[in-house]
PDB file of N, CA and C in Angstrom:
ATOM      1  N   MET A   1     -60.846  28.773-104.769  1.00  0.00           N
ATOM      2  CA  MET A   1     -59.486  28.664-104.290  1.00  0.00           C
ATOM      3  C   MET A   1     -59.281  29.619-103.130  1.00  0.00           C
ATOM      4  N   GLY A   2     -58.658  29.162-102.044  1.00  0.00           N
ATOM      5  CA  GLY A   2     -58.458  29.970-100.855  1.00  0.00           C
ATOM      6  C   GLY A   2     -57.460  31.096-101.024  1.00  0.00           C
ATOM      7  N   LEU A   3     -56.323  30.829-101.620  1.00  0.00           N
ATOM      8  CA  LEU A   3     -55.310  31.861-101.851  1.00  0.00           C
ATOM      9  C   LEU A   3     -55.612  32.569-103.162  1.00  0.00           C
ATOM     10  N   ASP A   4     -55.520  33.913-103.149  1.00  0.00           N
ATOM     11  CA  ASP A   4     -55.661  34.575-104.445  1.00  0.00           C
ATOM     12  C   ASP A   4     -54.297  34.571-105.128  1.00  0.00           C
ATOM     13  N   LYS A   5     -54.281  34.825-106.404  1.00  0.00           N
ATOM     14  CA  LYS A   5     -53.072  34.746-107.214  1.00  0.00           C
ATOM     15  C   LYS A   5     -51.947  35.613-106.641  1.00  0.00           C
ATOM     16  N   ASP A   6     -52.234  36.866-106.336  1.00  0.00           N
ATOM     17  CA  ASP A   6     -51.195  37.784-105.858  1.00  0.00           C
ATOM     18  C   ASP A   6     -50.585  37.315-104.541  1.00  0.00           C
ATOM     19  N   ASP A   7     -51.428  36.854-103.618  1.00  0.00           N
ATOM     20  CA  ASP A   7     -50.925  36.380-102.330  1.00  0.00           C
ATOM     21  C   ASP A   7     -50.072  35.127-102.513  1.00  0.00           C
ATOM     22  N   ALA A   8     -50.517  34.215-103.372  1.00  0.00           N
ATOM     23  CA  ALA A   8     -49.760  32.986-103.612  1.00  0.00           C
ATOM     24  C   ALA A   8     -48.388  33.299-104.206  1.00  0.00           C
ATOM     25  N   VAL A   9     -48.333  34.195-105.174  1.00  0.00           N
ATOM     26  CA  VAL A   9     -47.060  34.564-105.797  1.00  0.00           C
ATOM     27  C   VAL A   9     -46.161  35.268-104.787  1.00  0.00           C
ATOM     28  N   ARG A  10     -46.722  36.136-104.000  1.00  0.00           N
ATOM     29  CA  ARG A  10     -45.951  36.868-102.977  1.00  0.00           C
ATOM     30  C   ARG A  10     -45.333  35.893-101.963  1.00  0.00           C
ATOM     31  N   ARG A  11     -46.134  34.952-101.495  1.00  0.00           N
ATOM     32  CA  ARG A  11     -45.631  33.965-100.531  1.00  0.00           C
ATOM     33  C   ARG A  11     -44.569  33.062-101.155  1.00  0.00           C
ATOM     34  N   ALA A  12     -44.774  32.675-102.415  1.00  0.00           N
ATOM     35  CA  ALA A  12     -43.799  31.836-103.111  1.00  0.00           C
ATOM     36  C   ALA A  12     -42.480  32.580-103.297  1.00  0.00           C
ATOM     37  N   ARG A  13     -42.546  33.840-103.690  1.00  0.00           N
ATOM     38  CA  ARG A  13     -41.317  34.639-103.869  1.00  0.00           C
ATOM     39  C   ARG A  13     -40.554  34.767-102.544  1.00  0.00           C
ATOM     40  N   ARG A  14     -41.273  35.036-101.476  1.00  0.00           N
ATOM     41  CA  ARG A  14     -40.653  35.179-100.158  1.00  0.00           C
ATOM     42  C   ARG A  14     -39.966  33.873 -99.752  1.00  0.00           C
ATOM     43  N   ASP A  15     -40.662  32.742 -99.956  1.00  0.00           N
ATOM     44  CA  ASP A  15     -40.101  31.448 -99.585  1.00  0.00           C
ATOM     45  C   ASP A  15     -38.864  31.114-100.422  1.00  0.00           C
ATOM     46  N   LEU A  16     -38.939  31.326-101.725  1.00  0.00           N
ATOM     47  CA  LEU A  16     -37.810  30.989-102.592  1.00  0.00           C
ATOM     48  C   LEU A  16     -36.589  31.855-102.273  1.00  0.00           C
ATOM     49  N   ALA A  17     -36.809  33.137-102.037  1.00  0.00           N
ATOM     50  CA  ALA A  17     -35.699  34.025-101.690  1.00  0.00           C
ATOM     51  C   ALA A  17     -34.997  33.530-100.426  1.00  0.00           C
ATOM     52  N   LYS A  18     -35.782  33.134 -99.439  1.00  0.00           N
ATOM     53  CA  LYS A  18     -35.214  32.637 -98.180  1.00  0.00           C
ATOM     54  C   LYS A  18     -34.425  31.345 -98.411  1.00  0.00           C
ATOM     55  N   ARG A  19     -34.987  30.422 -99.187  1.00  0.00           N
ATOM     56  CA  ARG A  19     -34.313  29.142 -99.442  1.00  0.00           C
ATOM     57  C   ARG A  19     -33.002  29.321-100.207  1.00  0.00           C
ATOM     58  N   LEU A  20     -32.995  30.266-101.126  1.00  0.00           N
ATOM     59  CA  LEU A  20     -31.806  30.480-101.957  1.00  0.00           C
ATOM     60  C   LEU A  20     -30.830  31.487-101.364  1.00  0.00           C
ATOM     61  N   GLY A  21     -31.259  32.205-100.333  1.00  0.00           N
ATOM     62  CA  GLY A  21     -30.403  33.212 -99.718  1.00  0.00           C
ATOM     63  C   GLY A  21     -30.185  34.421-100.617  1.00  0.00           C
ATOM     64  N   VAL A  22     -31.254  34.816-101.335  1.00  0.00           N
ATOM     65  CA  VAL A  22     -31.176  35.981-102.213  1.00  0.00           C
ATOM     66  C   VAL A  22     -32.278  36.966-101.838  1.00  0.00           C
ATOM     67  N   SER A  23     -32.216  38.159-102.401  1.00  0.00           N
ATOM     68  CA  SER A  23     -33.243  39.165-102.189  1.00  0.00           C
ATOM     69  C   SER A  23     -34.499  38.809-102.986  1.00  0.00           C
ATOM     70  N   GLU A  24     -35.662  39.164-102.448  1.00  0.00           N
ATOM     71  CA  GLU A  24     -36.908  38.940-103.188  1.00  0.00           C
ATOM     72  C   GLU A  24     -36.899  39.674-104.523  1.00  0.00           C
ATOM     73  N   ASP A  25     -36.147  40.767-104.604  1.00  0.00           N
ATOM     74  CA  ASP A  25     -36.053  41.525-105.855  1.00  0.00           C
ATOM     75  C   ASP A  25     -35.380  40.730-106.964  1.00  0.00           C
ATOM     76  N   GLU A  26     -34.613  39.712-106.600  1.00  0.00           N
ATOM     77  CA  GLU A  26     -33.927  38.883-107.591  1.00  0.00           C
ATOM     78  C   GLU A  26     -34.823  37.785-108.160  1.00  0.00           C
ATOM     79  N   ILE A  27     -35.989  37.590-107.575  1.00  0.00           N
ATOM     80  CA  ILE A  27     -36.924  36.552-108.009  1.00  0.00           C
ATOM     81  C   ILE A  27     -37.873  37.144-109.050  1.00  0.00           C
ATOM     82  N   THR A  28     -37.931  36.526-110.224  1.00  0.00           N
ATOM     83  CA  THR A  28     -38.839  36.994-111.263  1.00  0.00           C
ATOM     84  C   THR A  28     -39.899  35.935-111.559  1.00  0.00           C
ATOM     85  N   GLU A  29     -41.043  36.396-111.967  1.00  0.00           N
ATOM     86  CA  GLU A  29     -42.178  35.531-112.284  1.00  0.00           C
ATOM     87  C   GLU A  29     -42.091  35.132-113.749  1.00  0.00           C
ATOM     88  N   GLU A  30     -41.956  33.834-114.005  1.00  0.00           N
ATOM     89  CA  GLU A  30     -41.934  33.335-115.386  1.00  0.00           C
ATOM     90  C   GLU A  30     -43.349  33.104-115.904  1.00  0.00           C
ATOM     91  N   ALA A  31     -44.174  32.464-115.082  1.00  0.00           N
ATOM     92  CA  ALA A  31     -45.541  32.152-115.509  1.00  0.00           C
ATOM     93  C   ALA A  31     -46.402  31.808-114.303  1.00  0.00           C
ATOM     94  N   VAL A  32     -47.680  32.139-114.409  1.00  0.00           N
ATOM     95  CA  VAL A  32     -48.682  31.714-113.433  1.00  0.00           C
ATOM     96  C   VAL A  32     -49.878  31.255-114.248  1.00  0.00           C
ATOM     97  N   GLU A  33     -50.257  29.994-114.062  1.00  0.00           N
ATOM     98  CA  GLU A  33     -51.357  29.463-114.856  1.00  0.00           C
ATOM     99  C   GLU A  33     -52.282  28.597-114.013  1.00  0.00           C
ATOM    100  N   LYS A  34     -53.560  28.666-114.349  1.00  0.00           N
ATOM    101  CA  LYS A  34     -54.536  27.799-113.697  1.00  0.00           C
ATOM    102  C   LYS A  34     -54.383  26.402-114.269  1.00  0.00           C
ATOM    103  N   THR A  35     -54.528  25.413-113.395  1.00  0.00           N
ATOM    104  CA  THR A  35     -54.435  24.023-113.837  1.00  0.00           C
ATOM    105  C   THR A  35     -55.163  23.124-112.858  1.00  0.00           C
ATOM    106  N   ASP A  36     -55.350  21.890-113.241  1.00  0.00           N
ATOM    107  CA  ASP A  36     -55.913  20.875-112.360  1.00  0.00           C
ATOM    108  C   ASP A  36     -54.804  19.904-111.991  1.00  0.00           C
ATOM    109  N   PHE A  37     -54.695  19.612-110.689  1.00  0.00           N
ATOM    110  CA  PHE A  37     -53.692  18.684-110.198  1.00  0.00           C
ATOM    111  C   PHE A  37     -54.343  17.333-109.920  1.00  0.00           C
ATOM    112  N   PRO A  38     -53.562  16.242-109.933  1.00  0.00           N
ATOM    113  CA  PRO A  38     -54.133  14.899-109.816  1.00  0.00           C
ATOM    114  C   PRO A  38     -54.615  14.497-108.429  1.00  0.00           C
ATOM    115  N   ASP A  39     -54.265  15.298-107.399  1.00  0.00           N
ATOM    116  CA  ASP A  39     -54.678  14.938-106.048  1.00  0.00           C
ATOM    117  C   ASP A  39     -54.758  16.186-105.172  1.00  0.00           C
ATOM    118  N   MET A  40     -55.190  16.011-103.937  1.00  0.00           N
ATOM    119  CA  MET A  40     -55.378  17.151-103.038  1.00  0.00           C
ATOM    120  C   MET A  40     -54.062  17.709-102.510  1.00  0.00           C
ATOM    121  N   ALA A  41     -52.946  17.018-102.775  1.00  0.00           N
ATOM    122  CA  ALA A  41     -51.619  17.517-102.426  1.00  0.00           C
ATOM    123  C   ALA A  41     -51.005  18.250-103.620  1.00  0.00           C
ATOM    124  N   LEU A  42     -51.827  18.527-104.608  1.00  0.00           N
ATOM    125  CA  LEU A  42     -51.429  19.281-105.806  1.00  0.00           C
ATOM    126  C   LEU A  42     -50.316  18.584-106.591  1.00  0.00           C
ATOM    127  N   GLY A  43     -50.284  17.257-106.523  1.00  0.00           N
ATOM    128  CA  GLY A  43     -49.248  16.509-107.228  1.00  0.00           C
ATOM    129  C   GLY A  43     -47.867  16.733-106.646  1.00  0.00           C
ATOM    130  N   ALA A  44     -47.811  17.256-105.418  1.00  0.00           N
ATOM    131  CA  ALA A  44     -46.545  17.582-104.771  1.00  0.00           C
ATOM    132  C   ALA A  44     -46.551  17.121-103.317  1.00  0.00           C
ATOM    133  N   GLY A  45     -46.988  15.901-103.113  1.00  0.00           N
ATOM    134  CA  GLY A  45     -47.046  15.364-101.760  1.00  0.00           C
ATOM    135  C   GLY A  45     -45.668  15.246-101.129  1.00  0.00           C
ATOM    136  N   THR A  46     -45.630  15.392 -99.831  1.00  0.00           N
ATOM    137  CA  THR A  46     -44.368  15.239 -99.104  1.00  0.00           C
ATOM    138  C   THR A  46     -44.213  13.783 -98.684  1.00  0.00           C
ATOM    139  N   GLU A  47     -43.027  13.424 -98.251  1.00  0.00           N
ATOM    140  CA  GLU A  47     -42.745  12.044 -97.861  1.00  0.00           C
ATOM    141  C   GLU A  47     -43.735  11.573 -96.793  1.00  0.00           C
ATOM    142  N   ASP A  48     -44.294  10.400 -96.987  1.00  0.00           N
ATOM    143  CA  ASP A  48     -45.239   9.762 -96.069  1.00  0.00           C
ATOM    144  C   ASP A  48     -46.568  10.512 -95.934  1.00  0.00           C
ATOM    145  N   GLU A  49     -46.872  11.449 -96.810  1.00  0.00           N
ATOM    146  CA  GLU A  49     -48.150  12.172 -96.754  1.00  0.00           C
ATOM    147  C   GLU A  49     -49.199  11.422 -97.560  1.00  0.00           C
ATOM    148  N   MET A  50     -50.393  11.337 -97.011  1.00  0.00           N
ATOM    149  CA  MET A  50     -51.514  10.761 -97.739  1.00  0.00           C
ATOM    150  C   MET A  50     -52.439  11.900 -98.130  1.00  0.00           C
ATOM    151  N   SER A  51     -52.992  11.816 -99.341  1.00  0.00           N
ATOM    152  CA  SER A  51     -53.932  12.853 -99.771  1.00  0.00           C
ATOM    153  C   SER A  51     -55.029  12.226-100.609  1.00  0.00           C
ATOM    154  N   GLY A  52     -56.166  12.915-100.639  1.00  0.00           N
ATOM    155  CA  GLY A  52     -57.290  12.449-101.427  1.00  0.00           C
ATOM    156  C   GLY A  52     -56.940  12.407-102.901  1.00  0.00           C
ATOM    157  N   GLN A  53     -57.333  11.344-103.563  1.00  0.00           N
ATOM    158  CA  GLN A  53     -57.030  11.172-104.981  1.00  0.00           C
ATOM    159  C   GLN A  53     -58.190  11.688-105.828  1.00  0.00           C
ATOM    160  N   MET A  54     -58.258  12.997-105.929  1.00  0.00           N
ATOM    161  CA  MET A  54     -59.292  13.619-106.754  1.00  0.00           C
ATOM    162  C   MET A  54     -58.707  14.852-107.422  1.00  0.00           C
ATOM    163  N   MET A  55     -59.153  15.137-108.616  1.00  0.00           N
ATOM    164  CA  MET A  55     -58.671  16.306-109.344  1.00  0.00           C
ATOM    165  C   MET A  55     -58.907  17.547-108.494  1.00  0.00           C
ATOM    166  N   THR A  56     -57.874  18.391-108.394  1.00  0.00           N
ATOM    167  CA  THR A  56     -57.923  19.578-107.545  1.00  0.00           C
ATOM    168  C   THR A  56     -57.459  20.794-108.342  1.00  0.00           C
ATOM    169  N   PRO A  57     -58.312  21.819-108.457  1.00  0.00           N
ATOM    170  CA  PRO A  57     -57.913  23.015-109.206  1.00  0.00           C
ATOM    171  C   PRO A  57     -56.913  23.857-108.416  1.00  0.00           C
ATOM    172  N   GLY A  58     -56.046  24.551-109.136  1.00  0.00           N
ATOM    173  CA  GLY A  58     -55.075  25.407-108.471  1.00  0.00           C
ATOM    174  C   GLY A  58     -54.259  26.209-109.460  1.00  0.00           C
ATOM    175  N   LEU A  59     -53.147  26.724-108.973  1.00  0.00           N
ATOM    176  CA  LEU A  59     -52.235  27.532-109.782  1.00  0.00           C
ATOM    177  C   LEU A  59     -50.863  26.876-109.832  1.00  0.00           C
ATOM    178  N   ARG A  60     -50.251  26.910-110.996  1.00  0.00           N
ATOM    179  CA  ARG A  60     -48.850  26.528-111.152  1.00  0.00           C
ATOM    180  C   ARG A  60     -48.080  27.834-111.293  1.00  0.00           C
ATOM    181  N   ILE A  61     -47.127  28.065-110.400  1.00  0.00           N
ATOM    182  CA  ILE A  61     -46.356  29.310-110.358  1.00  0.00           C
ATOM    183  C   ILE A  61     -44.903  28.974-110.650  1.00  0.00           C
ATOM    184  N   ARG A  62     -44.368  29.563-111.714  1.00  0.00           N
ATOM    185  CA  ARG A  62     -42.959  29.345-112.054  1.00  0.00           C
ATOM    186  C   ARG A  62     -42.176  30.621-111.790  1.00  0.00           C
ATOM    187  N   LEU A  63     -41.157  30.483-110.952  1.00  0.00           N
ATOM    188  CA  LEU A  63     -40.315  31.620-110.585  1.00  0.00           C
ATOM    189  C   LEU A  63     -38.880  31.331-110.987  1.00  0.00           C
ATOM    190  N   LYS A  64     -38.157  32.388-111.304  1.00  0.00           N
ATOM    191  CA  LYS A  64     -36.750  32.263-111.686  1.00  0.00           C
ATOM    192  C   LYS A  64     -35.921  33.165-110.793  1.00  0.00           C
ATOM    193  N   ALA A  65     -34.747  32.672-110.418  1.00  0.00           N
ATOM    194  CA  ALA A  65     -33.867  33.432-109.537  1.00  0.00           C
ATOM    195  C   ALA A  65     -32.457  33.440-110.113  1.00  0.00           C
ATOM    196  N   GLY A  66     -32.164  34.422-110.945  1.00  0.00           N
ATOM    197  CA  GLY A  66     -30.826  34.586-111.500  1.00  0.00           C
ATOM    198  C   GLY A  66     -30.172  33.281-111.899  1.00  0.00           C
ATOM    199  N   GLY A  67     -29.007  33.001-111.348  1.00  0.00           N
ATOM    200  CA  GLY A  67     -28.266  31.798-111.677  1.00  0.00           C
ATOM    201  C   GLY A  67     -28.762  30.549-110.970  1.00  0.00           C
ATOM    202  N   HIS A  68     -29.876  30.631-110.273  1.00  0.00           N
ATOM    203  CA  HIS A  68     -30.410  29.487-109.527  1.00  0.00           C
ATOM    204  C   HIS A  68     -31.459  28.708-110.306  1.00  0.00           C
ATOM    205  N   GLY A  69     -31.727  29.092-111.536  1.00  0.00           N
ATOM    206  CA  GLY A  69     -32.676  28.357-112.368  1.00  0.00           C
ATOM    207  C   GLY A  69     -34.130  28.651-112.054  1.00  0.00           C
ATOM    208  N   SER A  70     -34.990  27.806-112.611  1.00  0.00           N
ATOM    209  CA  SER A  70     -36.437  27.956-112.494  1.00  0.00           C
ATOM    210  C   SER A  70     -36.970  27.023-111.399  1.00  0.00           C
ATOM    211  N   HIS A  71     -37.995  27.491-110.681  1.00  0.00           N
ATOM    212  CA  HIS A  71     -38.582  26.713-109.587  1.00  0.00           C
ATOM    213  C   HIS A  71     -40.097  26.788-109.680  1.00  0.00           C
ATOM    214  N   GLU A  72     -40.760  25.696-109.322  1.00  0.00           N
ATOM    215  CA  GLU A  72     -42.215  25.625-109.443  1.00  0.00           C
ATOM    216  C   GLU A  72     -42.893  25.521-108.085  1.00  0.00           C
ATOM    217  N   TYR A  73     -43.879  26.380-107.892  1.00  0.00           N
ATOM    218  CA  TYR A  73     -44.758  26.330-106.725  1.00  0.00           C
ATOM    219  C   TYR A  73     -46.150  25.965-107.216  1.00  0.00           C
ATOM    220  N   ARG A  74     -46.931  25.382-106.340  1.00  0.00           N
ATOM    221  CA  ARG A  74     -48.314  25.023-106.648  1.00  0.00           C
ATOM    222  C   ARG A  74     -49.191  25.538-105.521  1.00  0.00           C
ATOM    223  N   ALA A  75     -50.281  26.185-105.885  1.00  0.00           N
ATOM    224  CA  ALA A  75     -51.164  26.796-104.886  1.00  0.00           C
ATOM    225  C   ALA A  75     -52.604  26.365-105.112  1.00  0.00           C
ATOM    226  N   GLY A  76     -53.332  26.260-103.998  1.00  0.00           N
ATOM    227  CA  GLY A  76     -54.753  25.960-104.081  1.00  0.00           C
ATOM    228  C   GLY A  76     -55.327  25.637-102.721  1.00  0.00           C
ATOM    229  N   ASP A  77     -56.604  25.944-102.520  1.00  0.00           N
ATOM    230  CA  ASP A  77     -57.306  25.605-101.275  1.00  0.00           C
ATOM    231  C   ASP A  77     -56.486  25.877-100.019  1.00  0.00           C
ATOM    232  N   ASP A  78     -56.028  27.092 -99.882  1.00  0.00           N
ATOM    233  CA  ASP A  78     -55.288  27.524 -98.684  1.00  0.00           C
ATOM    234  C   ASP A  78     -53.973  26.783 -98.460  1.00  0.00           C
ATOM    235  N   GLN A  79     -53.354  26.323 -99.529  1.00  0.00           N
ATOM    236  CA  GLN A  79     -52.046  25.694 -99.381  1.00  0.00           C
ATOM    237  C   GLN A  79     -51.121  26.132-100.507  1.00  0.00           C
ATOM    238  N   LEU A  80     -49.844  26.139-100.176  1.00  0.00           N
ATOM    239  CA  LEU A  80     -48.799  26.472-101.139  1.00  0.00           C
ATOM    240  C   LEU A  80     -47.724  25.419-100.998  1.00  0.00           C
ATOM    241  N   ARG A  81     -47.267  24.889-102.132  1.00  0.00           N
ATOM    242  CA  ARG A  81     -46.251  23.841-102.118  1.00  0.00           C
ATOM    243  C   ARG A  81     -45.142  24.160-103.101  1.00  0.00           C
ATOM    244  N   LEU A  82     -43.934  23.821-102.717  1.00  0.00           N
ATOM    245  CA  LEU A  82     -42.775  23.924-103.589  1.00  0.00           C
ATOM    246  C   LEU A  82     -42.563  22.536-104.178  1.00  0.00           C
ATOM    247  N   TYR A  83     -42.524  22.463-105.503  1.00  0.00           N
ATOM    248  CA  TYR A  83     -42.467  21.188-106.203  1.00  0.00           C
ATOM    249  C   TYR A  83     -41.042  20.848-106.638  1.00  0.00           C
ATOM    250  N   ASN A  84     -40.572  19.681-106.252  1.00  0.00           N
ATOM    251  CA  ASN A  84     -39.305  19.114-106.714  1.00  0.00           C
ATOM    252  C   ASN A  84     -38.112  20.065-106.535  1.00  0.00           C
ATOM    253  N   PHE A  85     -37.987  20.630-105.359  1.00  0.00           N
ATOM    254  CA  PHE A  85     -36.843  21.489-105.048  1.00  0.00           C
ATOM    255  C   PHE A  85     -35.745  20.611-104.480  1.00  0.00           C
ATOM    256  N   LYS A  86     -34.659  20.490-105.206  1.00  0.00           N
ATOM    257  CA  LYS A  86     -33.540  19.622-104.826  1.00  0.00           C
ATOM    258  C   LYS A  86     -34.033  18.200-104.563  1.00  0.00           C
ATOM    259  N   GLY A  87     -35.004  17.765-105.380  1.00  0.00           N
ATOM    260  CA  GLY A  87     -35.494  16.391-105.323  1.00  0.00           C
ATOM    261  C   GLY A  87     -36.617  16.133-104.336  1.00  0.00           C
ATOM    262  N   SER A  88     -37.079  17.160-103.627  1.00  0.00           N
ATOM    263  CA  SER A  88     -38.151  16.967-102.652  1.00  0.00           C
ATOM    264  C   SER A  88     -39.258  18.004-102.826  1.00  0.00           C
ATOM    265  N   ASN A  89     -40.435  17.666-102.317  1.00  0.00           N
ATOM    266  CA  ASN A  89     -41.565  18.593-102.286  1.00  0.00           C
ATOM    267  C   ASN A  89     -41.706  19.149-100.877  1.00  0.00           C
ATOM    268  N   TYR A  90     -42.201  20.386-100.782  1.00  0.00           N
ATOM    269  CA  TYR A  90     -42.355  21.037 -99.479  1.00  0.00           C
ATOM    270  C   TYR A  90     -43.710  21.720 -99.384  1.00  0.00           C
ATOM    271  N   ARG A  91     -44.341  21.584 -98.242  1.00  0.00           N
ATOM    272  CA  ARG A  91     -45.569  22.322 -97.969  1.00  0.00           C
ATOM    273  C   ARG A  91     -45.163  23.588 -97.228  1.00  0.00           C
ATOM    274  N   ILE A  92     -45.549  24.734 -97.757  1.00  0.00           N
ATOM    275  CA  ILE A  92     -45.149  26.024 -97.207  1.00  0.00           C
ATOM    276  C   ILE A  92     -46.190  26.476 -96.184  1.00  0.00           C
TER     277      ILE A  92
END
């Protein structure tokens, strides 16, 4: 995996804080787990994106931000994605 766990979590926290308009200190880590995703887009493809259909190892990162609920990021092979944020996926 290209991103190490700490870097992936750090980047995810920074991105979520910016999207929610809160301090990074308000973002807490709920869970980080290794998993296999169904495709090279980590099961979080963006609109009109094509990706290879092969199992891809990575990390599922769950972050919580106070009253903003829980949010899921997916990391692997030098990519970080925000999964199902307000109904859409984002490549960070």
